[in-house]
């Protein structure tokens, strides 16, 4: 995979993303397409590892003949589902009752926040899991509320596989056809991820504003 290594390191900017790309290439060089599955599975457990980098590299490796395109898509999807199930089990272990007790002890949080979230997820969980697999950050975190709400394991697996297959196929195919220009995918995906991050920050800021304002109002109107 010497040529693939040079293509992956083409930016040569010494950034952590370049180091990540080099590591993924070496991993695929040692154990083949399962290496891509390992990297994508870690993306689920550690969101800072972007699948937008790992997946195009798997496509690039397939275009160089290291393994087939079907293997690239199949193994990366397997890695996504496996990593998602780990977080799903974590959610099942934590449970709604335990999270409610934790929320009651946290500043600006209420136990009913967990109750309402679980109730919402029970109504819209299928849509959330399917489309959540195609949204940065939420792609990993969506598995936890699925476990907390005790979504059927087979339903969770089916929705996660479908969403991951679509997301992975797009980026693997992009890397396959773009070849050494796979960095273009990273740039556009980065813009999308930044938009998601800004939206999340604004929502968190609004939540904090509402809760702090309510706390101040209650303190003023309550007994001395």
N, C-alpha and C. Protein backbone atom coordinates (compact mmCIF):
# COMPACT_ATOMS: atom_id res chain seq x y z
N UNK A 1 0.82 -1.21 0.00
CA UNK A 1 0.00 0.00 0.00
C UNK A 1 0.86 1.27 0.00
N UNK A 2 2.04 1.18 -0.55
CA UNK A 2 2.92 2.35 -0.54
C UNK A 2 2.29 3.53 -1.23
N UNK A 3 1.70 3.30 -2.42
CA UNK A 3 1.06 4.40 -3.15
C UNK A 3 -0.11 4.96 -2.37
N UNK A 4 -0.86 4.08 -1.73
CA UNK A 4 -2.00 4.53 -0.93
C UNK A 4 -1.52 5.38 0.24
N UNK A 5 -0.41 4.99 0.85
CA UNK A 5 0.13 5.74 1.98
C UNK A 5 0.49 7.16 1.55
N UNK A 6 1.14 7.29 0.37
CA UNK A 6 1.50 8.62 -0.12
C UNK A 6 0.26 9.44 -0.46
N UNK A 7 -0.77 8.78 -1.01
CA UNK A 7 -1.99 9.50 -1.35
C UNK A 7 -2.70 9.99 -0.11
N UNK A 8 -2.71 9.15 0.93
CA UNK A 8 -3.38 9.54 2.17
C UNK A 8 -2.63 10.65 2.87
N UNK A 9 -1.33 10.67 2.72
CA UNK A 9 -0.51 11.69 3.39
C UNK A 9 -0.23 12.87 2.49
N UNK A 10 -1.04 12.99 1.45
CA UNK A 10 -0.76 14.00 0.43
C UNK A 10 -0.73 15.41 0.95
N UNK A 11 -1.53 15.67 2.00
CA UNK A 11 -1.55 17.05 2.49
C UNK A 11 -0.24 17.41 3.17
N UNK A 12 0.34 16.43 3.88
CA UNK A 12 1.64 16.65 4.51
C UNK A 12 1.68 17.83 5.43
N UNK A 13 0.55 18.15 6.08
CA UNK A 13 0.52 19.35 6.92
C UNK A 13 0.87 19.05 8.37
N UNK A 14 1.13 17.77 8.68
CA UNK A 14 1.51 17.42 10.04
C UNK A 14 0.40 17.52 11.04
N UNK A 15 -0.87 17.68 10.60
CA UNK A 15 -2.00 17.80 11.50
C UNK A 15 -2.38 16.44 12.05
N UNK A 16 -3.25 16.46 13.05
CA UNK A 16 -3.69 15.20 13.65
C UNK A 16 -4.53 14.41 12.66
N UNK A 17 -5.20 15.10 11.72
CA UNK A 17 -5.97 14.40 10.70
C UNK A 17 -5.05 13.63 9.77
N UNK A 18 -3.92 14.23 9.42
CA UNK A 18 -2.94 13.54 8.58
C UNK A 18 -2.38 12.33 9.31
N UNK A 19 -2.13 12.50 10.62
CA UNK A 19 -1.63 11.38 11.41
C UNK A 19 -2.68 10.27 11.49
N UNK A 20 -3.96 10.67 11.60
CA UNK A 20 -5.04 9.70 11.63
C UNK A 20 -5.12 8.94 10.31
N UNK A 21 -5.00 9.68 9.20
CA UNK A 21 -5.05 9.05 7.88
C UNK A 21 -3.91 8.05 7.72
N UNK A 22 -2.73 8.41 8.17
CA UNK A 22 -1.59 7.50 8.09
C UNK A 22 -1.84 6.24 8.92
N UNK A 23 -2.43 6.43 10.11
CA UNK A 23 -2.69 5.28 10.98
C UNK A 23 -3.71 4.34 10.36
N UNK A 24 -4.78 4.91 9.76
CA UNK A 24 -5.81 4.08 9.12
C UNK A 24 -5.23 3.29 7.97
N UNK A 25 -4.37 3.94 7.17
CA UNK A 25 -3.75 3.24 6.04
C UNK A 25 -2.88 2.09 6.53
N UNK A 26 -2.10 2.32 7.57
CA UNK A 26 -1.25 1.27 8.12
C UNK A 26 -2.10 0.12 8.66
N UNK A 27 -3.22 0.47 9.30
CA UNK A 27 -4.10 -0.55 9.85
C UNK A 27 -4.68 -1.42 8.74
N UNK A 28 -5.11 -0.80 7.65
CA UNK A 28 -5.65 -1.56 6.52
C UNK A 28 -4.56 -2.35 5.83
N UNK A 29 -3.34 -1.85 5.89
CA UNK A 29 -2.21 -2.55 5.29
C UNK A 29 -1.91 -3.84 6.05
N UNK A 30 -2.09 -3.80 7.38
CA UNK A 30 -1.77 -4.95 8.21
C UNK A 30 -2.87 -6.00 8.19
N UNK A 31 -4.13 -5.59 8.38
CA UNK A 31 -5.21 -6.57 8.50
C UNK A 31 -6.27 -6.45 7.40
N UNK A 32 -6.03 -5.62 6.39
CA UNK A 32 -6.94 -5.54 5.26
C UNK A 32 -8.21 -4.77 5.58
N UNK A 33 -9.33 -5.08 4.91
CA UNK A 33 -10.58 -4.34 5.11
C UNK A 33 -11.10 -4.36 6.54
N UNK A 34 -10.83 -5.43 7.35
CA UNK A 34 -11.25 -5.34 8.76
C UNK A 34 -10.63 -4.15 9.49
N UNK A 35 -9.47 -3.68 8.99
CA UNK A 35 -8.86 -2.50 9.59
C UNK A 35 -9.75 -1.28 9.45
N UNK A 36 -10.44 -1.17 8.31
CA UNK A 36 -11.38 -0.07 8.12
C UNK A 36 -12.55 -0.21 9.09
N UNK A 37 -12.97 -1.45 9.33
CA UNK A 37 -14.06 -1.69 10.28
C UNK A 37 -13.67 -1.26 11.69
N UNK A 38 -12.44 -1.55 12.08
CA UNK A 38 -11.94 -1.16 13.40
C UNK A 38 -11.95 0.37 13.53
N UNK A 39 -11.45 1.04 12.50
CA UNK A 39 -11.37 2.51 12.54
C UNK A 39 -12.76 3.14 12.61
N UNK A 40 -13.69 2.61 11.83
CA UNK A 40 -15.05 3.16 11.84
C UNK A 40 -15.75 2.84 13.17
N UNK A 41 -15.48 1.65 13.72
CA UNK A 41 -16.05 1.32 15.02
C UNK A 41 -15.56 2.27 16.11
N UNK A 42 -14.28 2.63 16.05
CA UNK A 42 -13.74 3.60 17.01
C UNK A 42 -14.37 4.97 16.82
N UNK A 43 -14.76 5.29 15.58
CA UNK A 43 -15.44 6.56 15.31
C UNK A 43 -16.73 6.64 16.10
N UNK A 44 -17.43 5.52 16.27
CA UNK A 44 -18.66 5.51 17.05
C UNK A 44 -18.38 5.74 18.53
N UNK A 45 -17.29 5.18 19.03
CA UNK A 45 -16.97 5.28 20.45
C UNK A 45 -16.26 6.57 20.80
N UNK A 46 -15.51 7.11 19.84
CA UNK A 46 -14.77 8.36 20.05
C UNK A 46 -15.09 9.31 18.89
N UNK A 47 -16.19 10.09 19.01
CA UNK A 47 -16.63 10.98 17.93
C UNK A 47 -15.56 11.89 17.33
N UNK A 48 -14.50 12.30 18.09
CA UNK A 48 -13.47 13.12 17.45
C UNK A 48 -12.78 12.43 16.28
N UNK A 49 -12.84 11.08 16.22
CA UNK A 49 -12.31 10.37 15.05
C UNK A 49 -13.36 10.46 13.95
N UNK A 50 -13.13 11.25 12.91
CA UNK A 50 -14.17 11.47 11.91
C UNK A 50 -14.25 10.37 10.86
N UNK A 51 -15.44 9.83 10.68
CA UNK A 51 -15.63 8.83 9.63
C UNK A 51 -15.46 9.44 8.25
N UNK A 52 -15.58 10.78 8.19
CA UNK A 52 -15.41 11.47 6.91
C UNK A 52 -13.98 11.35 6.40
N UNK A 53 -13.05 10.95 7.26
CA UNK A 53 -11.67 10.70 6.84
C UNK A 53 -11.46 9.21 6.61
N UNK A 54 -11.98 8.39 7.51
CA UNK A 54 -11.76 6.94 7.43
C UNK A 54 -12.43 6.34 6.20
N UNK A 55 -13.67 6.69 5.94
CA UNK A 55 -14.43 6.08 4.86
C UNK A 55 -13.85 6.36 3.47
N UNK A 56 -13.50 7.61 3.14
CA UNK A 56 -12.89 7.83 1.83
C UNK A 56 -11.57 7.08 1.65
N UNK A 57 -10.82 6.90 2.74
CA UNK A 57 -9.57 6.15 2.64
C UNK A 57 -9.85 4.68 2.31
N UNK A 58 -10.93 4.14 2.85
CA UNK A 58 -11.31 2.77 2.50
C UNK A 58 -11.67 2.68 1.02
N UNK A 59 -12.36 3.71 0.52
CA UNK A 59 -12.68 3.75 -0.91
C UNK A 59 -11.44 3.90 -1.76
N UNK A 60 -10.49 4.71 -1.28
CA UNK A 60 -9.23 4.89 -2.00
C UNK A 60 -8.47 3.57 -2.07
N UNK A 61 -8.45 2.83 -0.95
CA UNK A 61 -7.77 1.54 -0.93
C UNK A 61 -8.42 0.57 -1.90
N UNK A 62 -9.75 0.62 -1.99
CA UNK A 62 -10.45 -0.25 -2.93
C UNK A 62 -10.13 0.11 -4.37
N UNK A 63 -9.99 1.41 -4.65
CA UNK A 63 -9.67 1.83 -6.02
C UNK A 63 -8.25 1.40 -6.42
N UNK A 64 -7.38 1.21 -5.40
CA UNK A 64 -6.01 0.78 -5.68
C UNK A 64 -5.88 -0.74 -5.72
N UNK A 65 -7.00 -1.44 -5.51
CA UNK A 65 -6.97 -2.89 -5.59
C UNK A 65 -6.57 -3.60 -4.32
N UNK A 66 -6.46 -2.86 -3.21
CA UNK A 66 -6.09 -3.50 -1.94
C UNK A 66 -7.17 -4.48 -1.50
N UNK A 67 -8.43 -4.14 -1.77
CA UNK A 67 -9.56 -5.03 -1.58
C UNK A 67 -10.69 -4.51 -2.45
N UNK A 68 -11.81 -5.21 -2.50
CA UNK A 68 -12.88 -4.83 -3.40
C UNK A 68 -13.73 -3.70 -2.80
N UNK A 69 -14.49 -3.06 -3.67
CA UNK A 69 -15.38 -1.99 -3.22
C UNK A 69 -16.45 -2.56 -2.29
N UNK A 70 -16.96 -3.74 -2.61
CA UNK A 70 -17.97 -4.38 -1.76
C UNK A 70 -17.41 -4.66 -0.38
N UNK A 71 -16.15 -5.09 -0.32
CA UNK A 71 -15.53 -5.35 0.99
C UNK A 71 -15.39 -4.05 1.78
N UNK A 72 -15.03 -2.98 1.10
CA UNK A 72 -14.87 -1.70 1.78
C UNK A 72 -16.19 -1.25 2.40
N UNK A 73 -17.28 -1.31 1.64
CA UNK A 73 -18.58 -0.89 2.14
C UNK A 73 -19.08 -1.85 3.21
N UNK A 74 -18.93 -3.15 2.96
CA UNK A 74 -19.42 -4.15 3.91
C UNK A 74 -18.72 -4.09 5.25
N UNK A 75 -17.39 -4.02 5.22
CA UNK A 75 -16.64 -4.02 6.48
C UNK A 75 -16.82 -2.71 7.26
N UNK A 76 -16.87 -1.59 6.57
CA UNK A 76 -17.07 -0.31 7.28
C UNK A 76 -18.47 -0.25 7.90
N UNK A 77 -19.46 -0.81 7.22
CA UNK A 77 -20.80 -0.85 7.77
C UNK A 77 -20.86 -1.77 8.99
N UNK A 78 -20.17 -2.89 8.91
CA UNK A 78 -20.08 -3.80 10.06
C UNK A 78 -19.45 -3.07 11.25
N UNK A 79 -18.38 -2.33 11.00
CA UNK A 79 -17.73 -1.58 12.08
C UNK A 79 -18.66 -0.55 12.69
N UNK A 80 -19.45 0.13 11.86
CA UNK A 80 -20.40 1.13 12.35
C UNK A 80 -21.44 0.49 13.27
N UNK A 81 -22.00 -0.63 12.83
CA UNK A 81 -23.06 -1.29 13.59
C UNK A 81 -22.50 -1.86 14.90
N UNK A 82 -21.31 -2.45 14.84
CA UNK A 82 -20.70 -3.02 16.03
C UNK A 82 -20.45 -1.94 17.08
N UNK A 83 -19.87 -0.82 16.65
CA UNK A 83 -19.61 0.29 17.57
C UNK A 83 -20.90 0.86 18.13
N UNK A 84 -21.94 0.93 17.30
CA UNK A 84 -23.23 1.46 17.75
C UNK A 84 -23.84 0.56 18.82
N UNK A 85 -23.69 -0.75 18.66
CA UNK A 85 -24.26 -1.68 19.64
C UNK A 85 -23.57 -1.55 20.99
N UNK A 86 -22.30 -1.21 21.00
CA UNK A 86 -21.61 -1.02 22.29
C UNK A 86 -22.26 0.12 23.07
N UNK A 87 -22.54 1.23 22.38
CA UNK A 87 -23.19 2.37 23.03
C UNK A 87 -24.64 2.05 23.37
N UNK A 88 -25.28 1.25 22.54
CA UNK A 88 -26.66 0.83 22.81
C UNK A 88 -26.72 0.04 24.11
N UNK A 89 -25.80 -0.90 24.28
CA UNK A 89 -25.74 -1.69 25.52
C UNK A 89 -25.46 -0.79 26.72
N UNK A 90 -24.60 0.22 26.52
CA UNK A 90 -24.31 1.18 27.59
C UNK A 90 -25.59 1.88 28.02
N UNK A 91 -26.40 2.28 27.05
CA UNK A 91 -27.68 2.93 27.36
C UNK A 91 -28.61 2.01 28.12
N UNK A 92 -28.65 0.73 27.73
CA UNK A 92 -29.50 -0.24 28.42
C UNK A 92 -29.05 -0.42 29.87
N UNK A 93 -27.72 -0.46 30.07
CA UNK A 93 -27.19 -0.65 31.42
C UNK A 93 -27.49 0.56 32.30
N UNK A 94 -27.33 1.76 31.75
CA UNK A 94 -27.61 2.97 32.53
C UNK A 94 -29.08 3.05 32.91
N UNK A 95 -29.95 2.90 31.93
CA UNK A 95 -31.38 2.90 32.19
C UNK A 95 -31.93 4.28 32.49
N UNK A 96 -33.24 4.44 32.29
CA UNK A 96 -33.88 5.73 32.49
C UNK A 96 -33.92 6.13 33.96
N UNK A 97 -34.16 5.15 34.85
CA UNK A 97 -34.25 5.47 36.28
C UNK A 97 -32.94 6.01 36.82
N UNK A 98 -31.85 5.37 36.46
CA UNK A 98 -30.54 5.80 36.94
C UNK A 98 -30.18 7.19 36.39
N UNK A 99 -30.46 7.40 35.11
CA UNK A 99 -30.18 8.71 34.52
C UNK A 99 -31.04 9.80 35.13
N UNK A 100 -32.27 9.45 35.50
CA UNK A 100 -33.16 10.42 36.13
C UNK A 100 -32.59 10.86 37.48
N UNK A 101 -32.09 9.90 38.25
CA UNK A 101 -31.50 10.23 39.56
C UNK A 101 -30.25 11.10 39.39
N UNK A 102 -29.47 10.81 38.35
CA UNK A 102 -28.28 11.62 38.08
C UNK A 102 -28.68 13.03 37.69
N UNK A 103 -29.69 13.16 36.84
CA UNK A 103 -30.14 14.48 36.38
C UNK A 103 -30.65 15.31 37.55
N UNK A 104 -31.31 14.68 38.53
CA UNK A 104 -31.83 15.41 39.68
C UNK A 104 -30.72 16.06 40.51
N UNK A 105 -29.53 15.48 40.44
CA UNK A 105 -28.41 15.99 41.24
C UNK A 105 -27.54 17.00 40.47
N UNK A 106 -27.82 17.17 39.20
CA UNK A 106 -27.00 18.06 38.38
C UNK A 106 -27.59 19.47 38.34
N UNK A 107 -26.74 20.49 38.38
CA UNK A 107 -27.23 21.87 38.31
C UNK A 107 -27.98 22.12 37.00
N UNK A 108 -29.10 22.82 37.11
CA UNK A 108 -29.91 23.24 35.96
C UNK A 108 -30.60 22.07 35.24
N UNK A 109 -30.48 20.87 35.76
CA UNK A 109 -31.14 19.72 35.16
C UNK A 109 -32.29 19.25 36.04
N UNK A 110 -33.25 18.57 35.43
CA UNK A 110 -34.39 18.01 36.15
C UNK A 110 -34.59 16.56 35.73
N UNK A 111 -35.12 15.79 36.64
CA UNK A 111 -35.39 14.40 36.32
C UNK A 111 -36.37 14.26 35.18
N UNK A 112 -37.29 15.22 35.08
CA UNK A 112 -38.29 15.16 34.00
C UNK A 112 -37.67 15.36 32.63
N UNK A 113 -36.46 15.93 32.58
CA UNK A 113 -35.77 16.07 31.29
C UNK A 113 -35.52 14.69 30.68
N UNK A 114 -35.08 13.76 31.52
CA UNK A 114 -34.82 12.40 31.05
C UNK A 114 -36.13 11.73 30.68
N UNK A 115 -37.15 11.91 31.51
CA UNK A 115 -38.46 11.29 31.25
C UNK A 115 -39.03 11.76 29.93
N UNK A 116 -38.97 13.06 29.69
CA UNK A 116 -39.50 13.61 28.44
C UNK A 116 -38.70 13.13 27.23
N UNK A 117 -37.36 13.05 27.41
CA UNK A 117 -36.52 12.59 26.30
C UNK A 117 -36.84 11.14 25.94
N UNK A 118 -36.99 10.30 26.95
CA UNK A 118 -37.33 8.89 26.70
C UNK A 118 -38.69 8.78 26.04
N UNK A 119 -39.66 9.58 26.51
CA UNK A 119 -41.00 9.55 25.92
C UNK A 119 -40.96 9.98 24.46
N UNK A 120 -40.19 11.03 24.19
CA UNK A 120 -40.05 11.49 22.79
C UNK A 120 -39.40 10.41 21.94
N UNK A 121 -38.38 9.75 22.49
CA UNK A 121 -37.66 8.75 21.72
C UNK A 121 -38.54 7.53 21.45
N UNK A 122 -39.41 7.21 22.39
CA UNK A 122 -40.30 6.08 22.17
C UNK A 122 -41.27 6.35 21.02
N UNK A 123 -41.58 7.65 20.79
CA UNK A 123 -42.49 8.01 19.69
C UNK A 123 -41.75 8.17 18.36
N UNK A 124 -40.55 8.74 18.41
CA UNK A 124 -39.84 9.07 17.17
C UNK A 124 -38.49 8.37 17.05
N UNK A 125 -38.26 7.36 17.85
CA UNK A 125 -36.94 6.72 17.89
C UNK A 125 -36.50 6.12 16.57
N UNK A 126 -37.42 5.52 15.82
CA UNK A 126 -37.05 4.89 14.56
C UNK A 126 -36.46 5.90 13.58
N UNK A 127 -37.13 7.04 13.45
CA UNK A 127 -36.64 8.10 12.56
C UNK A 127 -35.33 8.67 13.08
N UNK A 128 -35.24 8.85 14.40
CA UNK A 128 -34.04 9.43 14.99
C UNK A 128 -32.83 8.55 14.76
N UNK A 129 -32.98 7.23 14.94
CA UNK A 129 -31.85 6.32 14.77
C UNK A 129 -31.43 6.26 13.30
N UNK A 130 -32.39 6.16 12.41
CA UNK A 130 -32.07 6.03 10.98
C UNK A 130 -31.35 7.26 10.45
N UNK A 131 -31.94 8.43 10.65
CA UNK A 131 -31.33 9.65 10.12
C UNK A 131 -30.17 10.12 10.99
N UNK A 132 -30.20 9.76 12.28
CA UNK A 132 -29.10 10.14 13.15
C UNK A 132 -27.78 9.53 12.73
N UNK A 133 -27.83 8.38 12.06
CA UNK A 133 -26.60 7.73 11.58
C UNK A 133 -25.93 8.54 10.47
N UNK A 134 -26.63 9.54 9.97
CA UNK A 134 -26.08 10.34 8.87
C UNK A 134 -25.80 11.78 9.28
N UNK A 135 -25.75 12.02 10.60
CA UNK A 135 -25.48 13.37 11.12
C UNK A 135 -24.25 13.31 12.02
N UNK A 136 -23.23 14.12 11.73
CA UNK A 136 -22.03 14.12 12.58
C UNK A 136 -22.40 14.36 14.04
N UNK A 137 -21.63 13.79 14.95
CA UNK A 137 -21.83 13.84 16.40
C UNK A 137 -23.00 12.97 16.83
N UNK A 138 -24.19 13.22 16.28
CA UNK A 138 -25.36 12.44 16.64
C UNK A 138 -25.24 11.00 16.15
N UNK A 139 -24.41 10.79 15.14
CA UNK A 139 -24.23 9.44 14.60
C UNK A 139 -23.79 8.47 15.68
N UNK A 140 -22.99 8.94 16.61
CA UNK A 140 -22.53 8.09 17.71
C UNK A 140 -23.50 8.14 18.89
N UNK A 141 -23.90 9.34 19.28
CA UNK A 141 -24.67 9.52 20.51
C UNK A 141 -26.08 8.97 20.42
N UNK A 142 -26.63 8.85 19.23
CA UNK A 142 -28.03 8.43 19.09
C UNK A 142 -28.24 7.01 19.60
N UNK A 143 -27.18 6.22 19.68
CA UNK A 143 -27.30 4.83 20.12
C UNK A 143 -27.61 4.75 21.62
N UNK A 144 -27.18 5.74 22.40
CA UNK A 144 -27.38 5.70 23.85
C UNK A 144 -28.85 5.85 24.23
N UNK A 145 -29.56 6.88 23.73
CA UNK A 145 -31.00 6.96 24.07
C UNK A 145 -31.80 5.79 23.52
N UNK A 146 -31.33 5.18 22.43
CA UNK A 146 -32.00 3.99 21.92
C UNK A 146 -31.93 2.87 22.95
N UNK A 147 -30.78 2.74 23.60
CA UNK A 147 -30.63 1.74 24.65
C UNK A 147 -31.41 2.10 25.90
N UNK A 148 -31.39 3.38 26.27
CA UNK A 148 -32.11 3.83 27.47
C UNK A 148 -33.61 3.58 27.33
N UNK A 149 -34.15 3.85 26.13
CA UNK A 149 -35.58 3.65 25.89
C UNK A 149 -35.93 2.19 25.61
N UNK A 150 -34.92 1.32 25.62
CA UNK A 150 -35.10 -0.12 25.41
C UNK A 150 -35.74 -0.46 24.06
N UNK A 151 -35.27 0.24 23.03
CA UNK A 151 -35.69 -0.13 21.68
C UNK A 151 -35.29 -1.58 21.42
N UNK A 152 -36.13 -2.34 20.74
CA UNK A 152 -35.81 -3.73 20.44
C UNK A 152 -34.47 -3.81 19.72
N UNK A 153 -33.63 -4.75 20.16
CA UNK A 153 -32.27 -4.84 19.63
C UNK A 153 -32.27 -5.09 18.13
N UNK A 154 -33.23 -5.89 17.63
CA UNK A 154 -33.25 -6.18 16.19
C UNK A 154 -33.68 -4.95 15.40
N UNK A 155 -34.61 -4.18 15.96
CA UNK A 155 -35.06 -2.96 15.28
C UNK A 155 -33.94 -1.93 15.24
N UNK A 156 -33.24 -1.79 16.38
CA UNK A 156 -32.10 -0.88 16.42
C UNK A 156 -31.05 -1.30 15.41
N UNK A 157 -30.75 -2.59 15.35
CA UNK A 157 -29.74 -3.08 14.41
C UNK A 157 -30.14 -2.85 12.97
N UNK A 158 -31.41 -3.07 12.64
CA UNK A 158 -31.88 -2.89 11.27
C UNK A 158 -31.79 -1.42 10.85
N UNK A 159 -32.25 -0.52 11.71
CA UNK A 159 -32.22 0.91 11.39
C UNK A 159 -30.78 1.43 11.33
N UNK A 160 -29.95 0.97 12.25
CA UNK A 160 -28.55 1.40 12.26
C UNK A 160 -27.82 0.91 11.03
N UNK A 161 -28.08 -0.33 10.64
CA UNK A 161 -27.45 -0.88 9.44
C UNK A 161 -27.86 -0.11 8.20
N UNK A 162 -29.16 0.19 8.08
CA UNK A 162 -29.67 0.91 6.90
C UNK A 162 -29.07 2.31 6.81
N UNK A 163 -29.10 3.04 7.94
CA UNK A 163 -28.55 4.39 7.93
C UNK A 163 -27.05 4.40 7.70
N UNK A 164 -26.34 3.47 8.34
CA UNK A 164 -24.89 3.41 8.19
C UNK A 164 -24.50 3.00 6.77
N UNK A 165 -25.28 2.10 6.17
CA UNK A 165 -24.98 1.65 4.81
C UNK A 165 -25.06 2.81 3.82
N UNK A 166 -26.07 3.65 3.99
CA UNK A 166 -26.21 4.81 3.10
C UNK A 166 -25.05 5.79 3.30
N UNK A 167 -24.80 6.15 4.57
CA UNK A 167 -23.74 7.11 4.89
C UNK A 167 -22.37 6.59 4.44
N UNK A 168 -22.07 5.34 4.78
CA UNK A 168 -20.77 4.77 4.44
C UNK A 168 -20.58 4.65 2.94
N UNK A 169 -21.62 4.25 2.24
CA UNK A 169 -21.52 4.06 0.79
C UNK A 169 -21.19 5.38 0.10
N UNK A 170 -21.81 6.46 0.55
CA UNK A 170 -21.55 7.77 -0.06
C UNK A 170 -20.08 8.14 0.05
N UNK A 171 -19.50 7.98 1.23
CA UNK A 171 -18.13 8.41 1.45
C UNK A 171 -17.11 7.42 0.90
N UNK A 172 -17.43 6.13 0.96
CA UNK A 172 -16.53 5.15 0.37
C UNK A 172 -16.49 5.32 -1.15
N UNK A 173 -17.64 5.51 -1.77
CA UNK A 173 -17.69 5.72 -3.22
C UNK A 173 -16.98 7.01 -3.61
N UNK A 174 -17.12 8.04 -2.77
CA UNK A 174 -16.43 9.30 -3.05
C UNK A 174 -14.92 9.09 -3.06
N UNK A 175 -14.41 8.37 -2.07
CA UNK A 175 -12.98 8.07 -2.04
C UNK A 175 -12.55 7.19 -3.19
N UNK A 176 -13.42 6.28 -3.59
CA UNK A 176 -13.13 5.36 -4.68
C UNK A 176 -12.96 6.10 -6.01
N UNK A 177 -13.85 7.05 -6.28
CA UNK A 177 -13.82 7.76 -7.56
C UNK A 177 -12.91 8.99 -7.55
N UNK A 178 -12.73 9.60 -6.37
CA UNK A 178 -11.87 10.78 -6.32
C UNK A 178 -10.39 10.41 -6.25
N UNK A 179 -10.08 9.22 -5.74
CA UNK A 179 -8.69 8.78 -5.68
C UNK A 179 -7.86 9.68 -4.78
N UNK A 180 -6.75 10.17 -5.28
CA UNK A 180 -5.85 10.99 -4.47
C UNK A 180 -6.46 12.32 -4.07
N UNK A 181 -7.57 12.70 -4.69
CA UNK A 181 -8.27 13.94 -4.33
C UNK A 181 -9.33 13.72 -3.26
N UNK A 182 -9.18 12.63 -2.49
CA UNK A 182 -10.17 12.30 -1.46
C UNK A 182 -10.30 13.40 -0.41
N UNK A 183 -9.28 14.26 -0.29
CA UNK A 183 -9.34 15.34 0.70
C UNK A 183 -10.50 16.29 0.44
N UNK A 184 -11.00 16.33 -0.81
CA UNK A 184 -12.15 17.19 -1.13
C UNK A 184 -13.34 16.79 -0.28
N UNK A 185 -13.52 15.48 -0.08
CA UNK A 185 -14.63 14.98 0.73
C UNK A 185 -14.52 15.51 2.15
N UNK A 186 -13.32 15.47 2.68
CA UNK A 186 -13.08 15.93 4.05
C UNK A 186 -13.45 17.40 4.21
N UNK A 187 -13.13 18.21 3.19
CA UNK A 187 -13.40 19.65 3.27
C UNK A 187 -14.90 19.94 3.31
N UNK A 188 -15.66 19.31 2.41
CA UNK A 188 -17.10 19.55 2.38
C UNK A 188 -17.79 18.96 3.61
N UNK A 189 -17.34 17.77 4.04
CA UNK A 189 -17.92 17.16 5.23
C UNK A 189 -17.62 18.01 6.46
N UNK A 190 -16.43 18.65 6.48
CA UNK A 190 -16.08 19.51 7.59
C UNK A 190 -17.02 20.70 7.72
N UNK A 191 -17.44 21.24 6.58
CA UNK A 191 -18.39 22.37 6.60
C UNK A 191 -19.71 21.92 7.22
N UNK A 192 -20.19 20.74 6.79
CA UNK A 192 -21.44 20.20 7.33
C UNK A 192 -21.34 19.96 8.82
N UNK A 193 -20.21 19.41 9.27
CA UNK A 193 -20.02 19.15 10.69
C UNK A 193 -19.98 20.44 11.48
N UNK A 194 -19.34 21.47 10.95
CA UNK A 194 -19.28 22.75 11.65
C UNK A 194 -20.67 23.36 11.81
N UNK A 195 -21.51 23.19 10.79
CA UNK A 195 -22.88 23.69 10.88
C UNK A 195 -23.63 22.99 12.01
N UNK A 196 -23.45 21.67 12.08
CA UNK A 196 -24.10 20.90 13.14
C UNK A 196 -23.60 21.35 14.51
N UNK A 197 -22.30 21.58 14.63
CA UNK A 197 -21.73 22.00 15.91
C UNK A 197 -22.29 23.36 16.33
N UNK A 198 -22.41 24.29 15.39
CA UNK A 198 -22.96 25.62 15.69
C UNK A 198 -24.40 25.50 16.18
N UNK A 199 -25.19 24.65 15.51
CA UNK A 199 -26.58 24.47 15.91
C UNK A 199 -26.66 23.89 17.33
N UNK A 200 -25.80 22.91 17.61
CA UNK A 200 -25.80 22.30 18.95
C UNK A 200 -25.41 23.33 20.00
N UNK A 201 -24.39 24.13 19.72
CA UNK A 201 -23.95 25.15 20.68
C UNK A 201 -25.07 26.15 20.94
N UNK A 202 -25.78 26.57 19.90
CA UNK A 202 -26.88 27.51 20.07
C UNK A 202 -28.01 26.91 20.89
N UNK A 203 -28.31 25.64 20.65
CA UNK A 203 -29.37 24.98 21.42
C UNK A 203 -28.98 24.85 22.89
N UNK A 204 -27.73 24.49 23.14
CA UNK A 204 -27.26 24.38 24.52
C UNK A 204 -27.29 25.75 25.21
N UNK A 205 -26.88 26.78 24.48
CA UNK A 205 -26.89 28.14 25.04
C UNK A 205 -28.31 28.57 25.38
N UNK A 206 -29.25 28.25 24.50
CA UNK A 206 -30.65 28.61 24.76
C UNK A 206 -31.19 27.84 25.97
N UNK A 207 -30.84 26.56 26.06
CA UNK A 207 -31.27 25.75 27.21
C UNK A 207 -30.75 26.34 28.51
N UNK A 208 -29.46 26.70 28.54
CA UNK A 208 -28.87 27.27 29.74
C UNK A 208 -29.52 28.61 30.08
N UNK A 209 -29.79 29.42 29.07
CA UNK A 209 -30.42 30.73 29.30
C UNK A 209 -31.79 30.56 29.94
N UNK A 210 -32.59 29.63 29.42
CA UNK A 210 -33.93 29.42 29.94
C UNK A 210 -33.88 28.90 31.38
N UNK A 211 -32.98 27.93 31.63
CA UNK A 211 -32.90 27.35 32.97
C UNK A 211 -32.35 28.35 33.99
N UNK A 212 -31.36 29.11 33.62
CA UNK A 212 -30.79 30.10 34.55
C UNK A 212 -31.81 31.19 34.85
N UNK A 213 -32.52 31.65 33.82
CA UNK A 213 -33.55 32.67 34.03
C UNK A 213 -34.65 32.15 34.97
N UNK A 214 -35.04 30.87 34.78
CA UNK A 214 -36.07 30.29 35.64
C UNK A 214 -35.56 30.15 37.07
N UNK A 215 -34.28 29.79 37.23
CA UNK A 215 -33.71 29.64 38.57
C UNK A 215 -33.65 30.98 39.29
N UNK A 216 -33.27 32.03 38.57
CA UNK A 216 -33.21 33.37 39.17
C UNK A 216 -34.60 33.84 39.56
N UNK A 217 -35.58 33.59 38.69
CA UNK A 217 -36.96 33.99 38.99
C UNK A 217 -37.50 33.25 40.21
N UNK A 218 -37.21 31.96 40.31
CA UNK A 218 -37.69 31.19 41.45
C UNK A 218 -37.03 31.66 42.76
N UNK A 219 -35.76 32.01 42.66
CA UNK A 219 -35.06 32.48 43.87
C UNK A 219 -35.62 33.81 44.35
N UNK A 220 -35.97 34.68 43.42
CA UNK A 220 -36.51 35.98 43.80
C UNK A 220 -37.92 35.88 44.37
N UNK A 221 -38.70 34.95 43.83
CA UNK A 221 -40.09 34.83 44.27
C UNK A 221 -40.24 33.90 45.47
N UNK A 222 -39.18 33.09 45.77
CA UNK A 222 -39.27 32.16 46.88
C UNK A 222 -39.03 32.82 48.20
N UNK A 223 -39.16 32.03 49.30
CA UNK A 223 -38.91 32.59 50.64
C UNK A 223 -37.45 32.94 50.83
N UNK A 224 -37.18 33.85 51.71
CA UNK A 224 -35.80 34.31 51.96
C UNK A 224 -35.00 33.17 52.55
